[in-house]
């Protein structure tokens, strides 16, 4: 999937999207053709209070209490491993 930059331009009382010719050619569009576009989805605002509560719960559970050296543990977790069914 390619990413194209569209420019919003004012056309009288409305607006239009100006797209690169390469996009129009690839989509086989002619002047006047209509296309359906998916609107961008707004991301939910992060609930910081909830995140704090969940971290506090993990701390209370001692979820990571068995890890003696967190830096070494993290390095070990990030080491490349041979994946199953792959040479």
Protein backbone atom coordinates (compact mmCIF):
# COMPACT_ATOMS: atom_id res chain seq x y z
CA UNK A 1 0.00 0.00 0.00
CA UNK A 2 1.36 3.39 -0.96
CA UNK A 3 0.84 6.62 0.92
CA UNK A 4 -0.06 9.71 -1.07
CA UNK A 5 -0.31 13.30 0.09
CA UNK A 6 -3.55 15.06 -0.79
CA UNK A 7 -3.89 18.83 -0.65
CA UNK A 8 -7.15 20.48 0.39
CA UNK A 9 -8.06 23.30 -1.97
CA UNK A 10 -10.96 25.75 -1.88
CA UNK A 11 -13.27 25.61 -4.89
CA UNK A 12 -15.93 28.28 -4.60
CA UNK A 13 -18.15 27.42 -1.63
CA UNK A 14 -16.65 23.97 -1.08
CA UNK A 15 -13.30 22.22 -0.82
CA UNK A 16 -11.63 19.52 -2.88
CA UNK A 17 -8.71 17.16 -2.42
CA UNK A 18 -5.92 17.56 -4.92
CA UNK A 19 -4.05 14.26 -5.31
CA UNK A 20 -0.88 13.45 -7.23
CA UNK A 21 -1.34 12.38 -10.87
CA UNK A 22 0.30 9.06 -9.98
CA UNK A 23 -2.59 8.34 -7.57
CA UNK A 24 -5.21 9.16 -10.19
CA UNK A 25 -3.41 7.02 -12.78
CA UNK A 26 -2.99 4.07 -10.41
CA UNK A 27 -6.67 4.24 -9.41
CA UNK A 28 -7.71 4.77 -13.05
CA UNK A 29 -9.57 7.97 -12.16
CA UNK A 30 -10.82 10.55 -14.63
CA UNK A 31 -11.89 14.12 -13.85
CA UNK A 32 -15.32 14.04 -12.23
CA UNK A 33 -14.98 10.48 -10.88
CA UNK A 34 -16.06 9.97 -7.28
CA UNK A 35 -14.14 7.88 -4.76
CA UNK A 36 -14.92 6.61 -1.27
CA UNK A 37 -12.43 7.52 1.43
CA UNK A 38 -12.21 6.17 4.94
CA UNK A 39 -12.25 8.97 7.47
CA UNK A 40 -9.39 9.01 9.96
CA UNK A 41 -10.31 7.47 13.29
CA UNK A 42 -9.78 9.69 16.30
CA UNK A 43 -7.74 7.99 18.97
CA UNK A 44 -9.21 7.88 22.43
CA UNK A 45 -7.56 10.10 24.95
CA UNK A 46 -5.50 8.06 27.37
CA UNK A 47 -7.07 7.63 30.81
CA UNK A 48 -4.01 8.49 32.89
CA UNK A 49 -5.78 7.75 36.18
CA UNK A 50 -6.65 4.25 34.98
CA UNK A 51 -3.06 3.62 33.86
CA UNK A 52 -1.81 4.71 37.29
CA UNK A 53 -4.31 2.37 39.02
CA UNK A 54 -3.23 -0.57 36.86
CA UNK A 55 0.47 0.07 37.52
CA UNK A 56 -0.27 0.30 41.25
CA UNK A 57 -2.10 -3.05 41.03
CA UNK A 58 0.90 -4.66 39.34
CA UNK A 59 3.16 -3.28 42.05
CA UNK A 60 0.84 -4.58 44.78
CA UNK A 61 0.80 -8.03 43.16
CA UNK A 62 4.58 -8.04 43.00
CA UNK A 63 4.24 -9.01 39.34
CA UNK A 64 7.89 -8.28 38.62
CA UNK A 65 9.29 -8.91 42.09
CA UNK A 66 11.18 -12.01 41.00
CA UNK A 67 13.33 -10.06 38.55
CA UNK A 68 16.66 -9.41 40.24
CA UNK A 69 18.16 -7.14 37.57
CA UNK A 70 15.52 -5.44 35.38
CA UNK A 71 18.09 -4.15 32.88
CA UNK A 72 19.54 -7.62 32.27
CA UNK A 73 16.05 -9.14 32.17
CA UNK A 74 14.98 -6.65 29.50
CA UNK A 75 18.13 -7.28 27.43
CA UNK A 76 17.51 -11.02 27.67
CA UNK A 77 13.87 -10.59 26.57
CA UNK A 78 15.01 -8.66 23.50
CA UNK A 79 17.55 -11.22 22.32
CA UNK A 80 16.83 -12.73 18.93
CA UNK A 81 15.68 -16.30 19.14
CA UNK A 82 15.20 -19.02 16.55
CA UNK A 83 11.54 -19.05 15.61
CA UNK A 84 9.64 -22.36 15.46
CA UNK A 85 9.41 -24.03 12.04
CA UNK A 86 11.99 -21.68 10.54
CA UNK A 87 15.58 -22.44 9.58
